[in-house]
């Protein structure tokens, strides 16, 4: 008997989970607070008290998404870069 392969939905969930983890990792490594520390850094990482992520202005996130789509439509960036940046911006967007 052959073993069952993962379904399309499971593969998509796994890909989304990996993309979200990568975006979170990049965000932790790349964004700095006014004190010069990475936002969300733990005390173990830098020997200081952890800093909570800064509040993100939703209008700015939407404006950045619009700019990203404009750049992709104008073929200024490739699909992979577009998808990575889009996923990262969508993680910052809150839905009420």
N, C-alpha and C. Protein backbone atom coordinates (compact mmCIF):
# COMPACT_ATOMS: atom_id res chain seq x y z
N UNK A 1 0.83 -1.18 0.00
CA UNK A 1 0.00 0.00 0.00
C UNK A 1 0.87 1.25 0.00
N UNK A 2 0.50 2.18 -0.77
CA UNK A 2 1.25 3.43 -0.85
C UNK A 2 0.86 4.35 0.30
N UNK A 3 1.81 5.15 0.73
CA UNK A 3 1.51 6.11 1.80
C UNK A 3 0.83 7.33 1.19
N UNK A 4 0.04 7.97 1.99
CA UNK A 4 -0.69 9.15 1.52
C UNK A 4 0.22 10.36 1.57
N UNK A 5 0.14 11.17 0.55
CA UNK A 5 0.92 12.40 0.50
C UNK A 5 0.14 13.53 1.14
N UNK A 6 0.85 14.56 1.62
CA UNK A 6 0.13 15.69 2.23
C UNK A 6 -0.80 16.36 1.22
N UNK A 7 -1.89 16.86 1.72
CA UNK A 7 -2.85 17.53 0.86
C UNK A 7 -2.33 18.92 0.49
N UNK A 8 -2.95 19.48 -0.53
CA UNK A 8 -2.57 20.82 -0.98
C UNK A 8 -2.75 21.83 0.15
N UNK A 9 -3.84 21.72 0.88
CA UNK A 9 -4.11 22.64 1.98
C UNK A 9 -3.05 22.58 3.05
N UNK A 10 -2.60 21.39 3.39
CA UNK A 10 -1.56 21.24 4.41
C UNK A 10 -0.25 21.85 3.93
N UNK A 11 0.09 21.62 2.66
CA UNK A 11 1.33 22.20 2.12
C UNK A 11 1.26 23.72 2.16
N UNK A 12 0.10 24.28 1.81
CA UNK A 12 -0.06 25.74 1.83
C UNK A 12 0.04 26.28 3.25
N UNK A 13 -0.55 25.59 4.22
CA UNK A 13 -0.44 26.02 5.61
C UNK A 13 1.00 25.99 6.08
N UNK A 14 1.73 24.93 5.72
CA UNK A 14 3.14 24.83 6.09
C UNK A 14 3.96 25.95 5.46
N UNK A 15 3.70 26.25 4.19
CA UNK A 15 4.42 27.34 3.52
C UNK A 15 4.12 28.68 4.18
N UNK A 16 2.86 28.90 4.51
CA UNK A 16 2.46 30.15 5.15
C UNK A 16 3.12 30.28 6.53
N UNK A 17 3.17 29.17 7.26
CA UNK A 17 3.80 29.18 8.57
C UNK A 17 5.29 29.51 8.46
N UNK A 18 5.97 28.92 7.49
CA UNK A 18 7.39 29.19 7.28
C UNK A 18 7.63 30.63 6.85
N UNK A 19 6.76 31.15 5.99
CA UNK A 19 6.90 32.54 5.54
C UNK A 19 6.69 33.51 6.70
N UNK A 20 5.72 33.21 7.53
CA UNK A 20 5.45 34.06 8.68
C UNK A 20 6.62 34.04 9.66
N UNK A 21 7.19 32.86 9.89
CA UNK A 21 8.34 32.74 10.79
C UNK A 21 9.55 33.50 10.22
N UNK A 22 9.75 33.41 8.91
CA UNK A 22 10.88 34.11 8.29
C UNK A 22 10.68 35.62 8.39
N UNK A 23 9.46 36.09 8.16
CA UNK A 23 9.18 37.53 8.26
C UNK A 23 9.39 38.01 9.69
N UNK A 24 8.97 37.21 10.64
CA UNK A 24 9.14 37.57 12.05
C UNK A 24 10.62 37.62 12.41
N UNK A 25 11.38 36.66 11.93
CA UNK A 25 12.82 36.62 12.19
C UNK A 25 13.50 37.85 11.58
N UNK A 26 13.15 38.19 10.34
CA UNK A 26 13.74 39.36 9.68
C UNK A 26 13.35 40.64 10.41
N UNK A 27 12.09 40.70 10.85
CA UNK A 27 11.63 41.89 11.55
C UNK A 27 12.40 42.06 12.86
N UNK A 28 12.63 40.97 13.56
CA UNK A 28 13.39 41.05 14.81
C UNK A 28 14.83 41.47 14.57
N UNK A 29 15.41 41.03 13.48
CA UNK A 29 16.81 41.33 13.21
C UNK A 29 16.99 42.70 12.58
N UNK A 30 16.01 43.19 11.85
CA UNK A 30 16.20 44.40 11.07
C UNK A 30 15.65 45.67 11.66
N UNK A 31 14.62 45.59 12.47
CA UNK A 31 14.00 46.80 12.99
C UNK A 31 14.61 47.12 14.34
N UNK A 32 14.98 48.39 14.51
CA UNK A 32 15.56 48.80 15.77
C UNK A 32 14.66 49.83 16.45
N UNK A 33 14.70 49.80 17.78
CA UNK A 33 13.96 50.78 18.56
C UNK A 33 14.79 52.05 18.67
N UNK A 34 14.24 53.12 19.22
CA UNK A 34 15.01 54.35 19.39
C UNK A 34 16.25 54.15 20.26
N UNK A 35 16.25 53.16 21.13
CA UNK A 35 17.41 52.89 21.97
C UNK A 35 18.49 52.12 21.22
N UNK A 36 18.24 51.77 19.96
CA UNK A 36 19.23 51.06 19.17
C UNK A 36 19.17 49.55 19.31
N UNK A 37 18.14 49.04 19.97
CA UNK A 37 17.98 47.60 20.13
C UNK A 37 16.92 47.10 19.18
N UNK A 38 17.00 45.85 18.84
CA UNK A 38 15.99 45.27 17.96
C UNK A 38 14.66 45.22 18.69
N UNK A 39 13.59 45.62 18.01
CA UNK A 39 12.26 45.58 18.61
C UNK A 39 11.90 44.13 18.86
N UNK A 40 11.42 43.84 20.05
CA UNK A 40 11.04 42.48 20.40
C UNK A 40 12.20 41.65 20.91
N UNK A 41 13.36 42.25 21.04
CA UNK A 41 14.53 41.51 21.54
C UNK A 41 14.29 41.12 22.99
N UNK A 42 14.74 39.95 23.36
CA UNK A 42 14.56 39.50 24.73
C UNK A 42 15.77 39.88 25.56
N UNK A 43 15.62 39.80 26.87
CA UNK A 43 16.70 40.15 27.78
C UNK A 43 17.90 39.23 27.57
N UNK A 44 17.65 37.99 27.21
CA UNK A 44 18.75 37.06 26.99
C UNK A 44 19.57 37.44 25.76
N UNK A 45 18.94 38.08 24.77
CA UNK A 45 19.62 38.43 23.54
C UNK A 45 20.56 39.62 23.70
N UNK A 46 20.16 40.61 24.52
CA UNK A 46 21.00 41.79 24.62
C UNK A 46 21.29 42.23 26.05
N UNK A 47 20.90 41.44 27.03
CA UNK A 47 21.23 41.75 28.42
C UNK A 47 20.40 42.87 29.01
N UNK A 48 19.29 43.23 28.40
CA UNK A 48 18.44 44.31 28.89
C UNK A 48 17.00 43.83 28.95
N UNK A 49 16.13 44.69 29.37
CA UNK A 49 14.71 44.37 29.46
C UNK A 49 14.12 44.33 28.05
N UNK A 50 13.20 43.42 27.82
CA UNK A 50 12.59 43.27 26.49
C UNK A 50 11.74 44.50 26.16
N UNK A 51 11.70 44.81 24.87
CA UNK A 51 10.93 45.94 24.37
C UNK A 51 9.76 45.39 23.57
N UNK A 52 8.56 45.89 23.83
CA UNK A 52 7.39 45.45 23.08
C UNK A 52 7.42 46.09 21.69
N UNK A 53 6.89 45.42 20.68
CA UNK A 53 6.85 46.00 19.35
C UNK A 53 6.09 47.32 19.34
N UNK A 54 6.58 48.25 18.58
CA UNK A 54 5.95 49.57 18.50
C UNK A 54 4.62 49.46 17.76
N UNK A 55 3.70 50.33 18.13
CA UNK A 55 2.41 50.36 17.44
C UNK A 55 2.64 50.82 16.00
N UNK A 56 1.97 50.17 15.07
CA UNK A 56 2.15 50.47 13.66
C UNK A 56 0.93 51.22 13.17
N UNK A 57 1.15 52.34 12.49
CA UNK A 57 0.06 53.11 11.92
C UNK A 57 -0.50 52.35 10.72
N UNK A 58 -1.77 52.01 10.79
CA UNK A 58 -2.39 51.19 9.75
C UNK A 58 -2.43 51.91 8.41
N UNK A 59 -2.57 53.22 8.42
CA UNK A 59 -2.58 53.98 7.16
C UNK A 59 -1.22 53.87 6.47
N UNK A 60 -0.15 53.87 7.25
CA UNK A 60 1.19 53.73 6.67
C UNK A 60 1.37 52.34 6.06
N UNK A 61 0.86 51.32 6.73
CA UNK A 61 0.97 49.96 6.21
C UNK A 61 0.22 49.85 4.89
N UNK A 62 -0.97 50.41 4.83
CA UNK A 62 -1.76 50.35 3.59
C UNK A 62 -1.06 51.13 2.48
N UNK A 63 -0.49 52.29 2.82
CA UNK A 63 0.23 53.08 1.82
C UNK A 63 1.44 52.31 1.30
N UNK A 64 2.15 51.62 2.18
CA UNK A 64 3.30 50.83 1.75
C UNK A 64 2.87 49.66 0.88
N UNK A 65 1.71 49.04 1.20
CA UNK A 65 1.18 47.96 0.36
C UNK A 65 0.84 48.49 -1.03
N UNK A 66 0.23 49.67 -1.09
CA UNK A 66 -0.11 50.27 -2.39
C UNK A 66 1.15 50.54 -3.20
N UNK A 67 2.18 51.08 -2.54
CA UNK A 67 3.44 51.37 -3.22
C UNK A 67 4.10 50.07 -3.71
N UNK A 68 4.03 49.03 -2.90
CA UNK A 68 4.59 47.74 -3.28
C UNK A 68 3.89 47.19 -4.52
N UNK A 69 2.56 47.26 -4.53
CA UNK A 69 1.80 46.79 -5.70
C UNK A 69 2.13 47.62 -6.94
N UNK A 70 2.28 48.94 -6.77
CA UNK A 70 2.62 49.80 -7.89
C UNK A 70 3.98 49.41 -8.46
N UNK A 71 4.97 49.17 -7.59
CA UNK A 71 6.31 48.79 -8.04
C UNK A 71 6.29 47.43 -8.74
N UNK A 72 5.47 46.50 -8.23
CA UNK A 72 5.39 45.18 -8.86
C UNK A 72 4.72 45.29 -10.24
N UNK A 73 3.66 46.07 -10.33
CA UNK A 73 2.97 46.27 -11.61
C UNK A 73 3.87 46.94 -12.64
N UNK A 74 4.77 47.81 -12.16
CA UNK A 74 5.71 48.50 -13.05
C UNK A 74 6.94 47.63 -13.34
N UNK A 75 6.93 46.40 -12.82
CA UNK A 75 8.02 45.43 -13.00
C UNK A 75 9.36 45.95 -12.47
N UNK A 76 9.31 46.72 -11.36
CA UNK A 76 10.52 47.19 -10.70
C UNK A 76 11.10 46.13 -9.76
N UNK A 77 10.22 45.22 -9.28
CA UNK A 77 10.66 44.14 -8.40
C UNK A 77 10.13 42.82 -8.92
N UNK A 78 10.81 41.73 -8.57
CA UNK A 78 10.37 40.42 -9.04
C UNK A 78 9.29 39.85 -8.11
N UNK A 79 8.70 38.73 -8.52
CA UNK A 79 7.58 38.15 -7.79
C UNK A 79 7.97 37.71 -6.39
N UNK A 80 9.15 37.08 -6.25
CA UNK A 80 9.57 36.59 -4.94
C UNK A 80 9.75 37.73 -3.95
N UNK A 81 10.40 38.82 -4.38
CA UNK A 81 10.58 39.98 -3.51
C UNK A 81 9.23 40.59 -3.14
N UNK A 82 8.34 40.64 -4.13
CA UNK A 82 7.00 41.17 -3.90
C UNK A 82 6.27 40.35 -2.85
N UNK A 83 6.29 39.04 -3.00
CA UNK A 83 5.58 38.16 -2.06
C UNK A 83 6.16 38.26 -0.64
N UNK A 84 7.48 38.31 -0.52
CA UNK A 84 8.10 38.42 0.80
C UNK A 84 7.71 39.73 1.48
N UNK A 85 7.82 40.83 0.75
CA UNK A 85 7.48 42.13 1.31
C UNK A 85 5.99 42.22 1.63
N UNK A 86 5.16 41.66 0.76
CA UNK A 86 3.71 41.67 0.97
C UNK A 86 3.33 40.87 2.22
N UNK A 87 3.94 39.70 2.39
CA UNK A 87 3.66 38.87 3.56
C UNK A 87 4.06 39.60 4.84
N UNK A 88 5.20 40.26 4.82
CA UNK A 88 5.68 40.99 5.99
C UNK A 88 4.73 42.14 6.32
N UNK A 89 4.29 42.88 5.31
CA UNK A 89 3.37 44.00 5.54
C UNK A 89 2.00 43.50 6.04
N UNK A 90 1.54 42.39 5.50
CA UNK A 90 0.25 41.87 5.92
C UNK A 90 0.26 41.39 7.36
N UNK A 91 1.43 40.97 7.87
CA UNK A 91 1.52 40.57 9.27
C UNK A 91 1.36 41.78 10.18
N UNK A 92 1.71 42.97 9.67
CA UNK A 92 1.58 44.20 10.47
C UNK A 92 0.18 44.78 10.43
N UNK A 93 -0.60 44.36 9.47
CA UNK A 93 -1.94 44.90 9.29
C UNK A 93 -2.90 44.22 10.26
N UNK A 94 -3.66 45.02 11.00
CA UNK A 94 -4.63 44.44 11.92
C UNK A 94 -6.03 44.62 11.35
N UNK A 95 -6.85 43.61 11.53
CA UNK A 95 -8.21 43.63 11.04
C UNK A 95 -9.14 43.62 12.24
N UNK A 96 -10.04 44.59 12.28
CA UNK A 96 -10.99 44.67 13.40
C UNK A 96 -12.22 43.88 13.13
